[in-house]
Amino acid sequence: MMKHINKCIFFGVVHDDAELGAVGEVSFRVSCTHRYRVGSEWKMQTESVPCVWRGPQAKATAGAILKGQNVFVEGQFSTRTGSIRVASVTLVGPQVDEGDQGAEGEDE
């Protein structure tokens, strides 16, 4: 019998600084941009993914999840809350300016 899998992986930029809630949960949004070509023109579509992280590691890391930070997020999608229940967050490289998003690979 086939088992079901609910796993989401996102690499993107933190939309706003993470917020630490009263019950110890950390909330933040990750903006992920998809580039695609229509004819000879490049288009971009950005999705803002709501994330909720709970536990001692989340509380300890909350101050490092800042607007513009590149992050790799793994978790499960919750239809009840409409957000990702985060299992792990990896901070990747330096923060970026909003104007730098999608600037690489223009000639692809």
PDB file of N, CA and C in Angstrom:
ATOM      1  N   MET A   1       0.846  -1.191   0.000  1.00  0.00           N
ATOM      2  CA  MET A   1       0.000   0.000   0.000  1.00  0.00           C
ATOM      3  C   MET A   1       0.885   1.245   0.000  1.00  0.00           C
ATOM      4  N   MET A   2       0.522   2.203  -0.803  1.00  0.00           N
ATOM      5  CA  MET A   2       1.285   3.447  -0.932  1.00  0.00           C
ATOM      6  C   MET A   2       1.014   4.358   0.249  1.00  0.00           C
ATOM      7  N   LYS A   3       2.061   4.887   0.846  1.00  0.00           N
ATOM      8  CA  LYS A   3       1.913   5.851   1.941  1.00  0.00           C
ATOM      9  C   LYS A   3       1.807   7.249   1.354  1.00  0.00           C
ATOM     10  N   HIS A   4       1.156   8.134   2.080  1.00  0.00           N
ATOM     11  CA  HIS A   4       0.986   9.504   1.634  1.00  0.00           C
ATOM     12  C   HIS A   4       2.131  10.360   2.151  1.00  0.00           C
ATOM     13  N   ILE A   5       2.507  11.365   1.397  1.00  0.00           N
ATOM     14  CA  ILE A   5       3.597  12.262   1.776  1.00  0.00           C
ATOM     15  C   ILE A   5       3.079  13.694   1.749  1.00  0.00           C
ATOM     16  N   ASN A   6       3.359  14.433   2.802  1.00  0.00           N
ATOM     17  CA  ASN A   6       3.031  15.860   2.866  1.00  0.00           C
ATOM     18  C   ASN A   6       4.325  16.571   3.225  1.00  0.00           C
ATOM     19  N   LYS A   7       5.093  16.939   2.219  1.00  0.00           N
ATOM     20  CA  LYS A   7       6.374  17.604   2.445  1.00  0.00           C
ATOM     21  C   LYS A   7       6.502  18.758   1.468  1.00  0.00           C
ATOM     22  N   CYS A   8       6.859  19.916   1.993  1.00  0.00           N
ATOM     23  CA  CYS A   8       7.055  21.109   1.174  1.00  0.00           C
ATOM     24  C   CYS A   8       8.470  21.613   1.382  1.00  0.00           C
ATOM     25  N   ILE A   9       9.097  22.057   0.299  1.00  0.00           N
ATOM     26  CA  ILE A   9      10.439  22.626   0.358  1.00  0.00           C
ATOM     27  C   ILE A   9      10.408  23.937  -0.419  1.00  0.00           C
ATOM     28  N   PHE A  10      10.881  24.995   0.234  1.00  0.00           N
ATOM     29  CA  PHE A  10      10.903  26.311  -0.393  1.00  0.00           C
ATOM     30  C   PHE A  10      12.275  26.937  -0.221  1.00  0.00           C
ATOM     31  N   PHE A  11      12.749  27.583  -1.268  1.00  0.00           N
ATOM     32  CA  PHE A  11      13.938  28.423  -1.170  1.00  0.00           C
ATOM     33  C   PHE A  11      13.499  29.796  -1.630  1.00  0.00           C
ATOM     34  N   GLY A  12      13.680  30.796  -0.770  1.00  0.00           N
ATOM     35  CA  GLY A  12      13.238  32.130  -1.129  1.00  0.00           C
ATOM     36  C   GLY A  12      13.812  33.171  -0.190  1.00  0.00           C
ATOM     37  N   VAL A  13      13.145  34.307  -0.151  1.00  0.00           N
ATOM     38  CA  VAL A  13      13.582  35.453   0.636  1.00  0.00           C
ATOM     39  C   VAL A  13      12.525  35.756   1.690  1.00  0.00           C
ATOM     40  N   VAL A  14      12.964  35.994   2.922  1.00  0.00           N
ATOM     41  CA  VAL A  14      12.029  36.332   3.997  1.00  0.00           C
ATOM     42  C   VAL A  14      11.363  37.664   3.662  1.00  0.00           C
ATOM     43  N   HIS A  15      10.042  37.669   3.684  1.00  0.00           N
ATOM     44  CA  HIS A  15       9.249  38.840   3.293  1.00  0.00           C
ATOM     45  C   HIS A  15       9.294  39.938   4.352  1.00  0.00           C
ATOM     46  N   ASP A  16       9.152  39.600   5.613  1.00  0.00           N
ATOM     47  CA  ASP A  16       9.218  40.524   6.753  1.00  0.00           C
ATOM     48  C   ASP A  16       9.938  39.820   7.894  1.00  0.00           C
ATOM     49  N   ASP A  17      10.443  40.591   8.860  1.00  0.00           N
ATOM     50  CA  ASP A  17      11.089  39.982  10.026  1.00  0.00           C
ATOM     51  C   ASP A  17      10.131  38.999  10.696  1.00  0.00           C
ATOM     52  N   ALA A  18      10.679  37.889  11.200  1.00  0.00           N
ATOM     53  CA  ALA A  18       9.877  36.891  11.898  1.00  0.00           C
ATOM     54  C   ALA A  18       9.276  37.494  13.163  1.00  0.00           C
ATOM     55  N   GLU A  19       8.080  37.024  13.514  1.00  0.00           N
ATOM     56  CA  GLU A  19       7.393  37.476  14.723  1.00  0.00           C
ATOM     57  C   GLU A  19       7.267  36.307  15.689  1.00  0.00           C
ATOM     58  N   LEU A  20       7.651  36.547  16.936  1.00  0.00           N
ATOM     59  CA  LEU A  20       7.540  35.528  17.975  1.00  0.00           C
ATOM     60  C   LEU A  20       6.208  35.717  18.678  1.00  0.00           C
ATOM     61  N   GLY A  21       5.329  34.709  18.600  1.00  0.00           N
ATOM     62  CA  GLY A  21       4.003  34.779  19.204  1.00  0.00           C
ATOM     63  C   GLY A  21       4.032  34.444  20.682  1.00  0.00           C
ATOM     64  N   ALA A  22       2.903  34.652  21.330  1.00  0.00           N
ATOM     65  CA  ALA A  22       2.778  34.446  22.773  1.00  0.00           C
ATOM     66  C   ALA A  22       2.976  32.986  23.178  1.00  0.00           C
ATOM     67  N   VAL A  23       2.627  32.046  22.311  1.00  0.00           N
ATOM     68  CA  VAL A  23       2.745  30.624  22.652  1.00  0.00           C
ATOM     69  C   VAL A  23       4.061  30.024  22.158  1.00  0.00           C
ATOM     70  N   GLY A  24       5.020  30.868  21.820  1.00  0.00           N
ATOM     71  CA  GLY A  24       6.332  30.395  21.398  1.00  0.00           C
ATOM     72  C   GLY A  24       6.423  29.981  19.948  1.00  0.00           C
ATOM     73  N   GLU A  25       5.435  30.362  19.131  1.00  0.00           N
ATOM     74  CA  GLU A  25       5.542  30.034  17.716  1.00  0.00           C
ATOM     75  C   GLU A  25       6.090  31.231  16.954  1.00  0.00           C
ATOM     76  N   VAL A  26       6.888  30.937  15.946  1.00  0.00           N
ATOM     77  CA  VAL A  26       7.516  31.960  15.121  1.00  0.00           C
ATOM     78  C   VAL A  26       6.802  31.974  13.772  1.00  0.00           C
ATOM     79  N   SER A  27       6.326  33.153  13.371  1.00  0.00           N
ATOM     80  CA  SER A  27       5.621  33.297  12.099  1.00  0.00           C
ATOM     81  C   SER A  27       6.426  34.187  11.163  1.00  0.00           C
ATOM     82  N   PHE A  28       6.491  33.780   9.906  1.00  0.00           N
ATOM     83  CA  PHE A  28       7.161  34.585   8.885  1.00  0.00           C
ATOM     84  C   PHE A  28       6.643  34.161   7.520  1.00  0.00           C
ATOM     85  N   ARG A  29       6.949  34.953   6.496  1.00  0.00           N
ATOM     86  CA  ARG A  29       6.541  34.652   5.131  1.00  0.00           C
ATOM     87  C   ARG A  29       7.784  34.564   4.255  1.00  0.00           C
ATOM     88  N   VAL A  30       7.783  33.610   3.340  1.00  0.00           N
ATOM     89  CA  VAL A  30       8.887  33.445   2.403  1.00  0.00           C
ATOM     90  C   VAL A  30       8.365  33.760   0.998  1.00  0.00           C
ATOM     91  N   SER A  31       9.032  34.680   0.326  1.00  0.00           N
ATOM     92  CA  SER A  31       8.667  35.027  -1.051  1.00  0.00           C
ATOM     93  C   SER A  31       9.508  34.197  -2.006  1.00  0.00           C
ATOM     94  N   CYS A  32       8.828  33.446  -2.865  1.00  0.00           N
ATOM     95  CA  CYS A  32       9.486  32.595  -3.856  1.00  0.00           C
ATOM     96  C   CYS A  32       9.077  33.086  -5.238  1.00  0.00           C
ATOM     97  N   THR A  33      10.059  33.365  -6.077  1.00  0.00           N
ATOM     98  CA  THR A  33       9.788  33.896  -7.412  1.00  0.00           C
ATOM     99  C   THR A  33      10.073  32.836  -8.460  1.00  0.00           C
ATOM    100  N   HIS A  34       9.124  32.674  -9.350  1.00  0.00           N
ATOM    101  CA  HIS A  34       9.243  31.745 -10.473  1.00  0.00           C
ATOM    102  C   HIS A  34       9.371  32.575 -11.740  1.00  0.00           C
ATOM    103  N   ARG A  35      10.435  32.323 -12.508  1.00  0.00           N
ATOM    104  CA  ARG A  35      10.620  33.027 -13.777  1.00  0.00           C
ATOM    105  C   ARG A  35      10.255  32.084 -14.913  1.00  0.00           C
ATOM    106  N   TYR A  36       9.560  32.612 -15.902  1.00  0.00           N
ATOM    107  CA  TYR A  36       9.197  31.800 -17.053  1.00  0.00           C
ATOM    108  C   TYR A  36       9.159  32.688 -18.284  1.00  0.00           C
ATOM    109  N   ARG A  37       9.247  32.057 -19.431  1.00  0.00           N
ATOM    110  CA  ARG A  37       9.305  32.794 -20.690  1.00  0.00           C
ATOM    111  C   ARG A  37       8.007  32.617 -21.464  1.00  0.00           C
ATOM    112  N   VAL A  38       7.499  33.728 -21.983  1.00  0.00           N
ATOM    113  CA  VAL A  38       6.367  33.719 -22.890  1.00  0.00           C
ATOM    114  C   VAL A  38       6.881  34.330 -24.187  1.00  0.00           C
ATOM    115  N   GLY A  39       7.085  33.483 -25.189  1.00  0.00           N
ATOM    116  CA  GLY A  39       7.716  33.956 -26.426  1.00  0.00           C
ATOM    117  C   GLY A  39       9.146  34.371 -26.129  1.00  0.00           C
ATOM    118  N   SER A  40       9.486  35.621 -26.432  1.00  0.00           N
ATOM    119  CA  SER A  40      10.835  36.119 -26.157  1.00  0.00           C
ATOM    120  C   SER A  40      10.883  36.963 -24.886  1.00  0.00           C
ATOM    121  N   GLU A  41       9.757  37.070 -24.190  1.00  0.00           N
ATOM    122  CA  GLU A  41       9.677  37.919 -22.996  1.00  0.00           C
ATOM    123  C   GLU A  41       9.714  37.081 -21.720  1.00  0.00           C
ATOM    124  N   TRP A  42      10.546  37.543 -20.746  1.00  0.00           N
ATOM    125  CA  TRP A  42      10.610  36.900 -19.437  1.00  0.00           C
ATOM    126  C   TRP A  42       9.556  37.497 -18.525  1.00  0.00           C
ATOM    127  N   LYS A  43       8.871  36.639 -17.790  1.00  0.00           N
ATOM    128  CA  LYS A  43       7.881  37.079 -16.805  1.00  0.00           C
ATOM    129  C   LYS A  43       8.260  36.491 -15.452  1.00  0.00           C
ATOM    130  N   MET A  44       7.799  37.158 -14.391  1.00  0.00           N
ATOM    131  CA  MET A  44       8.067  36.665 -13.040  1.00  0.00           C
ATOM    132  C   MET A  44       6.761  36.612 -12.271  1.00  0.00           C
ATOM    133  N   GLN A  45       6.617  35.565 -11.479  1.00  0.00           N
ATOM    134  CA  GLN A  45       5.462  35.418 -10.606  1.00  0.00           C
ATOM    135  C   GLN A  45       5.980  35.097  -9.211  1.00  0.00           C
ATOM    136  N   THR A  46       5.599  35.904  -8.228  1.00  0.00           N
ATOM    137  CA  THR A  46       6.073  35.716  -6.862  1.00  0.00           C
ATOM    138  C   THR A  46       4.934  35.240  -5.970  1.00  0.00           C
ATOM    139  N   GLU A  47       5.206  34.200  -5.215  1.00  0.00           N
ATOM    140  CA  GLU A  47       4.261  33.673  -4.232  1.00  0.00           C
ATOM    141  C   GLU A  47       4.806  33.970  -2.842  1.00  0.00           C
ATOM    142  N   SER A  48       3.940  34.395  -1.944  1.00  0.00           N
ATOM    143  CA  SER A  48       4.321  34.645  -0.563  1.00  0.00           C
ATOM    144  C   SER A  48       3.764  33.511   0.284  1.00  0.00           C
ATOM    145  N   VAL A  49       4.653  32.707   0.858  1.00  0.00           N
ATOM    146  CA  VAL A  49       4.274  31.490   1.564  1.00  0.00           C
ATOM    147  C   VAL A  49       4.294  31.730   3.085  1.00  0.00           C
ATOM    148  N   PRO A  50       3.141  31.624   3.757  1.00  0.00           N
ATOM    149  CA  PRO A  50       3.124  31.793   5.216  1.00  0.00           C
ATOM    150  C   PRO A  50       3.699  30.564   5.913  1.00  0.00           C
ATOM    151  N   CYS A  51       4.577  30.806   6.902  1.00  0.00           N
ATOM    152  CA  CYS A  51       5.242  29.723   7.625  1.00  0.00           C
ATOM    153  C   CYS A  51       5.063  29.905   9.126  1.00  0.00           C
ATOM    154  N   VAL A  52       4.867  28.793   9.835  1.00  0.00           N
ATOM    155  CA  VAL A  52       4.760  28.799  11.296  1.00  0.00           C
ATOM    156  C   VAL A  52       5.716  27.729  11.818  1.00  0.00           C
ATOM    157  N   TRP A  53       6.599  28.148  12.738  1.00  0.00           N
ATOM    158  CA  TRP A  53       7.604  27.251  13.305  1.00  0.00           C
ATOM    159  C   TRP A  53       7.441  27.242  14.806  1.00  0.00           C
ATOM    160  N   ARG A  54       7.406  26.063  15.406  1.00  0.00           N
ATOM    161  CA  ARG A  54       7.216  25.925  16.854  1.00  0.00           C
ATOM    162  C   ARG A  54       8.393  25.187  17.475  1.00  0.00           C
ATOM    163  N   GLY A  55       8.598  25.418  18.764  1.00  0.00           N
ATOM    164  CA  GLY A  55       9.617  24.678  19.501  1.00  0.00           C
ATOM    165  C   GLY A  55      10.784  25.541  19.937  1.00  0.00           C
ATOM    166  N   PRO A  56      11.670  24.959  20.748  1.00  0.00           N
ATOM    167  CA  PRO A  56      12.789  25.724  21.303  1.00  0.00           C
ATOM    168  C   PRO A  56      13.762  26.233  20.242  1.00  0.00           C
ATOM    169  N   GLN A  57      13.998  25.449  19.194  1.00  0.00           N
ATOM    170  CA  GLN A  57      14.911  25.899  18.142  1.00  0.00           C
ATOM    171  C   GLN A  57      14.321  27.096  17.397  1.00  0.00           C
ATOM    172  N   ALA A  58      13.009  27.094  17.205  1.00  0.00           N
ATOM    173  CA  ALA A  58      12.349  28.212  16.536  1.00  0.00           C
ATOM    174  C   ALA A  58      12.515  29.488  17.351  1.00  0.00           C
ATOM    175  N   LYS A  59      12.286  29.386  18.656  1.00  0.00           N
ATOM    176  CA  LYS A  59      12.412  30.562  19.529  1.00  0.00           C
ATOM    177  C   LYS A  59      13.843  31.085  19.528  1.00  0.00           C
ATOM    178  N   ALA A  60      14.817  30.190  19.533  1.00  0.00           N
ATOM    179  CA  ALA A  60      16.223  30.590  19.576  1.00  0.00           C
ATOM    180  C   ALA A  60      16.682  31.237  18.267  1.00  0.00           C
ATOM    181  N   THR A  61      16.055  30.866  17.152  1.00  0.00           N
ATOM    182  CA  THR A  61      16.477  31.336  15.837  1.00  0.00           C
ATOM    183  C   THR A  61      15.654  32.519  15.334  1.00  0.00           C
ATOM    184  N   ALA A  62      14.555  32.824  15.980  1.00  0.00           N
ATOM    185  CA  ALA A  62      13.616  33.842  15.497  1.00  0.00           C
ATOM    186  C   ALA A  62      14.295  35.173  15.169  1.00  0.00           C
ATOM    187  N   GLY A  63      15.247  35.602  15.984  1.00  0.00           N
ATOM    188  CA  GLY A  63      15.912  36.883  15.765  1.00  0.00           C
ATOM    189  C   GLY A  63      16.774  36.935  14.521  1.00  0.00           C
ATOM    190  N   ALA A  64      17.127  35.781  13.962  1.00  0.00           N
ATOM    191  CA  ALA A  64      17.970  35.727  12.769  1.00  0.00           C
ATOM    192  C   ALA A  64      17.159  35.673  11.478  1.00  0.00           C
ATOM    193  N   ILE A  65      15.858  35.462  11.595  1.00  0.00           N
ATOM    194  CA  ILE A  65      15.006  35.381  10.400  1.00  0.00           C
ATOM    195  C   ILE A  65      14.509  36.794  10.110  1.00  0.00           C
ATOM    196  N   LEU A  66      15.265  37.489   9.275  1.00  0.00           N
ATOM    197  CA  LEU A  66      15.024  38.907   9.005  1.00  0.00           C
ATOM    198  C   LEU A  66      14.632  39.143   7.552  1.00  0.00           C
ATOM    199  N   LYS A  67      13.924  40.225   7.329  1.00  0.00           N
ATOM    200  CA  LYS A  67      13.511  40.611   5.977  1.00  0.00           C
ATOM    201  C   LYS A  67      14.729  40.643   5.059  1.00  0.00           C
ATOM    202  N   GLY A  68      14.600  40.010   3.898  1.00  0.00           N
ATOM    203  CA  GLY A  68      15.673  39.991   2.918  1.00  0.00           C
ATOM    204  C   GLY A  68      16.624  38.820   3.051  1.00  0.00           C
ATOM    205  N   GLN A  69      16.492  38.024   4.126  1.00  0.00           N
ATOM    206  CA  GLN A  69      17.373  36.875   4.344  1.00  0.00           C
ATOM    207  C   GLN A  69      16.967  35.732   3.413  1.00  0.00           C
ATOM    208  N   ASN A  70      17.945  35.146   2.734  1.00  0.00           N
ATOM    209  CA  ASN A  70      17.679  33.950   1.940  1.00  0.00           C
ATOM    210  C   ASN A  70      17.499  32.775   2.882  1.00  0.00           C
ATOM    211  N   VAL A  71      16.442  31.977   2.671  1.00  0.00           N
ATOM    212  CA  VAL A  71      16.176  30.836   3.534  1.00  0.00           C
ATOM    213  C   VAL A  71      15.757  29.618   2.720  1.00  0.00           C
ATOM    214  N   PHE A  72      16.061  28.470   3.295  1.00  0.00           N
ATOM    215  CA  PHE A  72      15.613  27.180   2.781  1.00  0.00           C
ATOM    216  C   PHE A  72      14.704  26.613   3.860  1.00  0.00           C
ATOM    217  N   VAL A  73      13.437  26.393   3.542  1.00  0.00           N
ATOM    218  CA  VAL A  73      12.442  25.969   4.527  1.00  0.00           C
ATOM    219  C   VAL A  73      11.884  24.606   4.137  1.00  0.00           C
ATOM    220  N   GLU A  74      11.821  23.697   5.107  1.00  0.00           N
ATOM    221  CA  GLU A  74      11.182  22.397   4.917  1.00  0.00           C
ATOM    222  C   GLU A  74      10.048  22.260   5.915  1.00  0.00           C
ATOM    223  N   GLY A  75       8.946  21.672   5.485  1.00  0.00           N
ATOM    224  CA  GLY A  75       7.835  21.478   6.398  1.00  0.00           C
ATOM    225  C   GLY A  75       6.681  20.761   5.737  1.00  0.00           C
ATOM    226  N   GLN A  76       5.515  20.873   6.388  1.00  0.00           N
ATOM    227  CA  GLN A  76       4.291  20.259   5.886  1.00  0.00           C
ATOM    228  C   GLN A  76       3.240  21.333   5.684  1.00  0.00           C
ATOM    229  N   PHE A  77       2.433  21.170   4.638  1.00  0.00           N
ATOM    230  CA  PHE A  77       1.353  22.111   4.382  1.00  0.00           C
ATOM    231  C   PHE A  77       0.149  21.753   5.240  1.00  0.00           C
ATOM    232  N   SER A  78      -0.445  22.774   5.866  1.00  0.00           N
ATOM    233  CA  SER A  78      -1.646  22.580   6.685  1.00  0.00           C
ATOM    234  C   SER A  78      -2.820  23.283   6.013  1.00  0.00           C
ATOM    235  N   THR A  79      -3.817  22.517   5.588  1.00  0.00           N
ATOM    236  CA  THR A  79      -5.003  23.131   4.988  1.00  0.00           C
ATOM    237  C   THR A  79      -5.833  23.850   6.052  1.00  0.00           C
ATOM    238  N   ARG A  80      -5.728  23.391   7.294  1.00  0.00           N
ATOM    239  CA  ARG A  80      -6.492  24.024   8.378  1.00  0.00           C
ATOM    240  C   ARG A  80      -6.060  25.468   8.591  1.00  0.00           C
ATOM    241  N   THR A  81      -4.742  25.715   8.554  1.00  0.00           N
ATOM    242  CA  THR A  81      -4.235  27.068   8.797  1.00  0.00           C
ATOM    243  C   THR A  81      -3.837  27.791   7.514  1.00  0.00           C
ATOM    244  N   GLY A  82      -3.695  27.045   6.425  1.00  0.00           N
ATOM    245  CA  GLY A  82      -3.264  27.653   5.167  1.00  0.00           C
ATOM    246  C   GLY A  82      -1.800  28.053   5.182  1.00  0.00           C
ATOM    247  N   SER A  83      -1.011  27.421   6.036  1.00  0.00           N
ATOM    248  CA  SER A  83       0.400  27.770   6.137  1.00  0.00           C
ATOM    249  C   SER A  83       1.253  26.506   6.169  1.00  0.00           C
ATOM    250  N   ILE A  84       2.566  26.725   6.146  1.00  0.00           N
ATOM    251  CA  ILE A  84       3.513  25.624   6.233  1.00  0.00           C
ATOM    252  C   ILE A  84       3.896  25.432   7.694  1.00  0.00           C
ATOM    253  N   ARG A  85       3.744  24.212   8.212  1.00  0.00           N
ATOM    254  CA  ARG A  85       4.245  23.877   9.554  1.00  0.00           C
ATOM    255  C   ARG A  85       5.713  23.515   9.372  1.00  0.00           C
ATOM    256  N   VAL A  86       6.573  24.404   9.789  1.00  0.00           N
ATOM    257  CA  VAL A  86       7.997  24.300   9.504  1.00  0.00           C
ATOM    258  C   VAL A  86       8.660  23.213  10.352  1.00  0.00           C
ATOM    259  N   ALA A  87       9.483  22.399   9.697  1.00  0.00           N
ATOM    260  CA  ALA A  87      10.286  21.389  10.392  1.00  0.00           C
ATOM    261  C   ALA A  87      11.717  21.887  10.551  1.00  0.00           C
ATOM    262  N   SER A  88      12.232  22.613   9.540  1.00  0.00           N
ATOM    263  CA  SER A  88      13.586  23.148   9.634  1.00  0.00           C
ATOM    264  C   SER A  88      13.734  24.390   8.763  1.00  0.00           C
ATOM    265  N   VAL A  89      14.648  25.263   9.189  1.00  0.00           N
ATOM    266  CA  VAL A  89      14.980  26.478   8.452  1.00  0.00           C
ATOM    267  C   VAL A  89      16.497  26.551   8.350  1.00  0.00           C
ATOM    268  N   THR A  90      16.993  26.789   7.151  1.00  0.00           N
ATOM    269  CA  THR A  90      18.417  27.000   6.944  1.00  0.00           C
ATOM    270  C   THR A  90      18.610  28.395   6.378  1.00  0.00           C
ATOM    271  N   LEU A  91      19.375  29.222   7.077  1.00  0.00           N
ATOM    272  CA  LEU A  91      19.690  30.562   6.588  1.00  0.00           C
ATOM    273  C   LEU A  91      20.803  30.415   5.563  1.00  0.00           C
ATOM    274  N   VAL A  92      20.610  31.026   4.384  1.00  0.00           N
ATOM    275  CA  VAL A  92      21.542  30.845   3.282  1.00  0.00           C
ATOM    276  C   VAL A  92      22.094  32.194   2.846  1.00  0.00           C
ATOM    277  N   GLY A  93      23.390  32.389   3.023  1.00  0.00           N
ATOM    278  CA  GLY A  93      24.044  33.598   2.532  1.00  0.00           C
ATOM    279  C   GLY A  93      23.567  34.866   3.206  1.00  0.00           C
ATOM    280  N   PRO A  94      24.000  35.999   2.671  1.00  0.00           N
ATOM    281  CA  PRO A  94      23.658  37.297   3.258  1.00  0.00           C
ATOM    282  C   PRO A  94      22.251  37.731   2.882  1.00  0.00           C
ATOM    283  N   GLN A  95      21.793  38.777   3.569  1.00  0.00           N
ATOM    284  CA  GLN A  95      20.518  39.377   3.204  1.00  0.00           C
ATOM    285  C   GLN A  95      20.658  40.031   1.844  1.00  0.00           C
ATOM    286  N   VAL A  96      19.549  40.138   1.116  1.00  0.00           N
ATOM    287  CA  VAL A  96      19.560  40.785  -0.196  1.00  0.00           C
ATOM    288  C   VAL A  96      18.603  41.962  -0.174  1.00  0.00           C
ATOM    289  N   ASP A  97      18.886  42.946  -1.025  1.00  0.00           N
ATOM    290  CA  ASP A  97      17.969  44.062  -1.194  1.00  0.00           C
ATOM    291  C   ASP A  97      16.806  43.587  -2.047  1.00  0.00           C
ATOM    292  N   GLU A  98      15.623  44.177  -1.821  1.00  0.00           N
ATOM    293  CA  GLU A  98      14.444  43.766  -2.590  1.00  0.00           C
ATOM    294  C   GLU A  98      14.659  43.951  -4.077  1.00  0.00           C
ATOM    295  N   GLY A  99      15.420  44.957  -4.482  1.00  0.00           N
ATOM    296  CA  GLY A  99      15.674  45.210  -5.897  1.00  0.00           C
ATOM    297  C   GLY A  99      16.534  44.148  -6.544  1.00  0.00           C
ATOM    298  N   ASP A 100      17.256  43.340  -5.748  1.00  0.00           N
ATOM    299  CA  ASP A 100      18.128  42.307  -6.291  1.00  0.00           C
ATOM    300  C   ASP A 100      17.402  41.015  -6.615  1.00  0.00           C
ATOM    301  N   GLN A 101      16.178  40.835  -6.146  1.00  0.00           N
ATOM    302  CA  GLN A 101      15.453  39.593  -6.356  1.00  0.00           C
ATOM    303  C   GLN A 101      15.184  39.394  -7.833  1.00  0.00           C
ATOM    304  N   GLY A 102      15.564  38.232  -8.347  1.00  0.00           N
ATOM    305  CA  GLY A 102      15.297  37.907  -9.733  1.00  0.00           C
ATOM    306  C   GLY A 102      16.241  38.569 -10.708  1.00  0.00           C
ATOM    307  N   ALA A 103      17.303  39.214 -10.248  1.00  0.00           N
ATOM    308  CA  ALA A 103      18.201  39.932 -11.138  1.00  0.00           C
ATOM    309  C   ALA A 103      19.159  38.987 -11.850  1.00  0.00           C
ATOM    310  N   GLU A 104      19.404  37.810 -11.306  1.00  0.00           N
ATOM    311  CA  GLU A 104      20.357  36.887 -11.910  1.00  0.00           C
ATOM    312  C   GLU A 104      19.733  36.171 -13.086  1.00  0.00           C
ATOM    313  N   GLY A 105      20.554  35.827 -14.052  1.00  0.00           N
ATOM    314  CA  GLY A 105      20.121  34.977 -15.162  1.00  0.00           C
ATOM    315  C   GLY A 105      19.110  35.611 -16.087  1.00  0.00           C
ATOM    316  N   GLU A 106      19.209  36.895 -16.326  1.00  0.00           N
ATOM    317  CA  GLU A 106      18.251  37.564 -17.200  1.00  0.00           C
ATOM    318  C   GLU A 106      18.299  37.023 -18.631  1.00  0.00           C
ATOM    319  N   ASP A 107      19.456  36.509 -19.047  1.00  0.00           N
ATOM    320  CA  ASP A 107      19.608  36.074 -20.427  1.00  0.00           C
ATOM    321  C   ASP A 107      19.368  34.590 -20.621  1.00  0.00           C
ATOM    322  N   GLU A 108      18.876  33.902 -19.623  1.00  0.00           N
ATOM    323  CA  GLU A 108      18.659  32.452 -19.731  1.00  0.00           C
ATOM    324  C   GLU A 108      17.665  32.114 -20.795  1.00  0.00           C
TER     325      GLU A 108
END
